[in-house]
Amino acid sequence: MARADEVTLLSRSFDEMVAYLREMANVANSIAQGDISKTMTPRSEHDTLGLAFYQMSEYLREVAAIGTAIADGDLRQEFQPKSADDVLGTAFHKMKSLRQAISQILTRSDRFGLPLII
């Protein structure tokens, strides 16, 4: 391979890497603004950063779906923290007793025909 071809190949590879990192930065900025609808697809099974980014995005969508269901009144939602360091997951898990108390109040008020004013 001629030296010019090697430089061209290296330059293209570098441009592709920069474009991929820019794409990741754009998705990260969207997530930082609360938009978790955008996704990043890892380039390969060896794309460690892409795989981690994908897993993080999936985790945030899972937590958001549970939070949305709870906000819509489905207090039966359960969430198990992913690890001992999972602050968000632990907070959702600890809300279980609060959700149970609210559910009991709703059930009892309905049983006795009491109006519930929120």
Protein backbone atom coordinates (compact mmCIF):
# COMPACT_ATOMS: atom_id res chain seq x y z
CA MET A 1 0.00 0.00 0.00
CA ALA A 2 1.36 3.39 -0.91
CA ARG A 3 2.00 5.94 1.80
CA ALA A 4 -0.64 8.31 0.37
CA ASP A 5 -3.22 5.51 0.59
CA GLU A 6 -2.31 4.86 4.22
CA VAL A 7 -2.70 8.53 5.09
CA THR A 8 -6.04 8.69 3.26
CA LEU A 9 -7.28 5.59 5.08
CA LEU A 10 -6.14 6.96 8.42
CA SER A 11 -7.77 10.31 7.69
CA ARG A 12 -11.10 8.63 6.79
CA SER A 13 -11.00 6.50 9.92
CA PHE A 14 -10.34 9.56 12.04
CA ASP A 15 -13.21 11.48 10.37
CA GLU A 16 -15.59 8.54 11.00
CA MET A 17 -14.53 8.37 14.65
CA VAL A 18 -15.06 12.11 15.12
CA ALA A 19 -18.49 11.91 13.45
CA TYR A 20 -19.48 9.02 15.74
CA LEU A 21 -18.34 10.90 18.84
CA ARG A 22 -20.27 13.99 17.72
CA GLU A 23 -23.37 11.86 17.26
CA MET A 24 -22.90 10.45 20.76
CA ALA A 25 -22.43 13.96 22.16
CA ASN A 26 -25.66 15.11 20.48
CA VAL A 27 -27.60 12.21 22.00
CA ALA A 28 -25.97 12.86 25.40
CA ASN A 29 -27.01 16.52 25.21
CA SER A 30 -30.57 15.46 24.41
CA ILE A 31 -30.58 13.12 27.40
CA ALA A 32 -29.22 15.92 29.60
CA GLN A 33 -32.24 18.00 28.51
CA GLY A 34 -34.63 15.17 29.43
CA ASP A 35 -35.20 13.80 25.92
CA ILE A 36 -34.59 10.07 26.15
CA SER A 37 -36.18 9.22 22.80
CA LYS A 38 -32.93 9.29 20.85
CA THR A 39 -30.87 6.13 20.59
CA MET A 40 -27.30 5.21 19.77
CA THR A 41 -26.57 1.94 18.09
CA PRO A 42 -23.19 0.44 18.93
CA ARG A 43 -21.00 0.04 15.86
CA SER A 44 -19.97 -3.50 16.82
CA GLU A 45 -19.80 -5.91 19.74
CA HIS A 46 -16.37 -4.43 20.49
CA ASP A 47 -17.71 -0.86 20.73
CA THR A 48 -17.39 -0.58 24.51
CA LEU A 49 -18.42 3.07 24.66
CA GLY A 50 -21.37 2.51 22.33
CA LEU A 51 -22.56 -0.52 24.29
CA ALA A 52 -22.33 1.34 27.60
CA PHE A 53 -24.16 4.31 26.11
CA TYR A 54 -26.89 2.03 24.75
CA GLN A 55 -27.31 0.29 28.14
CA MET A 56 -27.50 3.64 29.93
CA SER A 57 -30.17 4.88 27.52
CA GLU A 58 -32.21 1.69 27.91
CA TYR A 59 -31.99 1.99 31.70
CA LEU A 60 -33.22 5.59 31.61
CA ARG A 61 -36.12 4.64 29.34
CA GLU A 62 -37.05 1.80 31.71
CA VAL A 63 -37.04 4.11 34.74
CA ALA A 64 -39.00 6.76 32.82
CA ALA A 65 -41.63 4.21 31.77
CA ILE A 66 -42.12 3.11 35.38
CA GLY A 67 -42.26 6.71 36.58
CA THR A 68 -44.81 7.56 33.90
CA ALA A 69 -46.97 4.56 34.84
CA ILE A 70 -46.89 5.59 38.50
CA ALA A 71 -47.74 9.19 37.57
CA ASP A 72 -50.68 7.83 35.54
CA GLY A 73 -51.98 6.05 38.65
CA ASP A 74 -50.55 2.54 38.29
CA LEU A 75 -49.11 2.12 41.77
CA ARG A 76 -48.33 -1.58 41.22
CA GLN A 77 -45.07 -0.81 39.45
CA GLU A 78 -41.94 -2.46 40.83
CA PHE A 79 -38.33 -1.59 40.22
CA GLN A 80 -35.22 -3.40 41.33
CA PRO A 81 -31.99 -1.40 41.55
CA LYS A 82 -29.33 -2.55 39.08
CA SER A 83 -26.58 -2.44 41.71
CA ALA A 84 -25.81 -1.20 45.22
CA ASP A 85 -24.69 2.08 43.62
CA ASP A 86 -27.96 2.60 41.69
CA VAL A 87 -29.19 5.81 43.32
CA LEU A 88 -32.17 6.32 41.01
CA GLY A 89 -33.24 2.69 41.13
CA THR A 90 -32.92 2.62 44.91
CA ALA A 91 -35.09 5.75 45.21
CA PHE A 92 -37.80 4.13 43.08
CA HIS A 93 -37.53 0.92 45.09
CA LYS A 94 -37.88 2.81 48.39
CA MET A 95 -41.07 4.46 47.10
CA LYS A 96 -42.76 1.07 47.32
CA SER A 97 -44.02 1.69 50.85
CA LEU A 98 -45.36 5.10 49.83
CA ARG A 99 -47.14 3.57 46.82
CA GLN A 100 -48.63 0.86 49.06
CA ALA A 101 -49.90 3.44 51.55
CA ILE A 102 -51.51 5.49 48.79
CA SER A 103 -53.06 2.38 47.31
CA GLN A 104 -54.54 1.42 50.70
CA ILE A 105 -55.98 4.91 51.16
CA LEU A 106 -57.57 4.77 47.72
CA THR A 107 -59.00 1.29 48.36
CA ARG A 108 -60.44 2.26 51.76
CA SER A 109 -61.93 5.51 50.53
CA ASP A 110 -63.56 3.65 47.65
CA ARG A 111 -64.83 0.89 49.97
CA PHE A 112 -66.55 3.43 52.23
CA GLY A 113 -67.72 5.63 49.39
CA LEU A 114 -65.67 8.54 50.61
CA PRO A 115 -64.68 11.19 48.12
CA LEU A 116 -60.96 11.62 47.80
CA ILE A 117 -59.86 15.21 47.38
CA ILE A 118 -56.37 15.65 46.07
